[in-house]
Amino acid sequence: MEQVVGTPLTAVPFLTDPQVQEYKALYIRTVEQLAGLPDVQCQKIFGSVAHKQQAVAWLESFKGADRLRQEFETEKAETAKMIASLNEQLAKLQGAKK
């Protein structure tokens, strides 16, 4: 059995089960493969031009989410550093009062 890396066609809401099966029969198993389908091949498969455009848009929508996740992780790390620094300062102040 061939291992394919990518998002399975079954994960997208714009394809029906019969359409997924049709693409699988043509050895197109992932959203990434569908998005990269050459125009020449699209002309031979009914509806594939629209599906290709939907696949590209679907993949693009996740790029924005990845950017937001990275920004969140950066802010989270900076906040953790700030909290650690403030805890150290507080410990020093409490030690100075004793």
Protein backbone atom coordinates (compact mmCIF):
# COMPACT_ATOMS: atom_id res chain seq x y z
CA MET A 1 0.00 0.00 0.00
CA GLU A 2 1.36 3.39 -1.03
CA GLN A 3 1.87 5.99 1.70
CA VAL A 4 0.67 9.44 0.66
CA VAL A 5 1.54 12.57 2.63
CA GLY A 6 -1.04 15.33 2.75
CA THR A 7 -4.61 16.09 3.72
CA PRO A 8 -7.02 13.34 2.65
CA LEU A 9 -9.71 14.41 0.20
CA THR A 10 -12.29 13.16 2.70
CA ALA A 11 -11.32 16.05 5.03
CA VAL A 12 -12.74 18.79 2.81
CA PRO A 13 -16.42 19.72 2.85
CA PHE A 14 -16.67 20.63 -0.84
CA LEU A 15 -16.26 17.08 -2.22
CA THR A 16 -18.87 14.36 -2.09
CA ASP A 17 -17.97 10.73 -1.48
CA PRO A 18 -18.44 9.79 -5.16
CA GLN A 19 -16.16 12.68 -6.19
CA VAL A 20 -13.52 11.56 -3.70
CA GLN A 21 -13.72 8.03 -5.10
CA GLU A 22 -13.39 9.36 -8.65
CA TYR A 23 -10.24 11.30 -7.74
CA LYS A 24 -8.82 8.29 -5.90
CA ALA A 25 -9.34 6.21 -9.04
CA LEU A 26 -7.19 8.81 -10.83
CA TYR A 27 -4.52 8.54 -8.08
CA ILE A 28 -5.39 11.93 -6.61
CA ARG A 29 -5.62 11.23 -2.90
CA THR A 30 -4.85 14.52 -1.13
CA VAL A 31 -6.06 18.10 -1.17
CA GLU A 32 -2.51 19.17 -1.96
CA GLN A 33 -2.46 16.93 -5.05
CA LEU A 34 -5.81 18.33 -6.16
CA ALA A 35 -4.63 21.93 -5.65
CA GLY A 36 -1.53 21.21 -7.74
CA LEU A 37 -3.38 19.45 -10.53
CA PRO A 38 -2.10 20.69 -13.92
CA ASP A 39 -4.62 22.62 -16.00
CA VAL A 40 -4.25 20.11 -18.83
CA GLN A 41 -5.41 17.31 -16.55
CA CYS A 42 -8.21 19.49 -15.12
CA GLN A 43 -9.69 19.83 -18.59
CA LYS A 44 -10.13 16.05 -18.73
CA ILE A 45 -11.96 15.71 -15.40
CA PHE A 46 -15.46 17.17 -15.13
CA GLY A 47 -15.71 19.75 -12.34
CA SER A 48 -12.05 19.57 -11.41
CA VAL A 49 -11.29 23.20 -12.26
CA ALA A 50 -13.72 24.36 -9.56
CA HIS A 51 -12.49 21.67 -7.17
CA LYS A 52 -8.89 22.75 -7.75
CA GLN A 53 -9.80 26.37 -6.96
CA GLN A 54 -11.64 25.26 -3.81
CA ALA A 55 -8.67 23.14 -2.75
CA VAL A 56 -6.28 26.07 -3.19
CA ALA A 57 -8.58 28.37 -1.20
CA TRP A 58 -9.03 25.75 1.53
CA LEU A 59 -5.26 25.31 1.91
CA GLU A 60 -4.71 29.09 1.90
CA SER A 61 -7.20 29.49 4.75
CA PHE A 62 -4.93 27.39 6.97
CA LYS A 63 -1.87 29.52 6.26
CA GLY A 64 -3.53 32.40 8.11
CA ALA A 65 -4.33 30.10 11.02
CA ASP A 66 -0.71 28.92 11.17
CA ARG A 67 0.50 32.53 11.30
CA LEU A 68 -1.91 33.31 14.14
CA ARG A 69 -0.83 30.19 16.04
CA GLN A 70 2.83 31.22 15.70
CA GLU A 71 2.06 34.73 16.94
CA PHE A 72 0.18 33.29 19.90
CA GLU A 73 3.06 30.94 20.78
CA THR A 74 5.53 33.85 20.63
CA GLU A 75 3.35 36.01 22.89
CA LYS A 76 2.86 33.07 25.26
CA ALA A 77 6.63 32.56 25.56
CA GLU A 78 7.21 36.28 26.15
CA THR A 79 4.50 36.33 28.82
CA ALA A 80 6.05 33.31 30.56
CA LYS A 81 9.45 35.07 30.62
CA MET A 82 7.86 38.22 32.04
CA ILE A 83 6.06 36.25 34.76
CA ALA A 84 9.30 34.47 35.71
CA SER A 85 11.12 37.81 35.91
CA LEU A 86 8.36 39.33 38.05
CA ASN A 87 8.40 36.28 40.35
CA GLU A 88 12.17 36.71 40.80
CA GLN A 89 11.74 40.40 41.62
CA LEU A 90 8.96 39.59 44.08
CA ALA A 91 11.10 36.95 45.77
CA LYS A 92 13.97 39.46 46.11
CA LEU A 93 11.61 42.09 47.58
CA GLN A 94 10.15 39.61 50.03
CA GLY A 95 13.66 38.54 51.04
CA ALA A 96 14.71 42.17 51.57
CA LYS A 97 11.76 42.80 53.91
CA LYS A 98 12.74 39.96 56.25
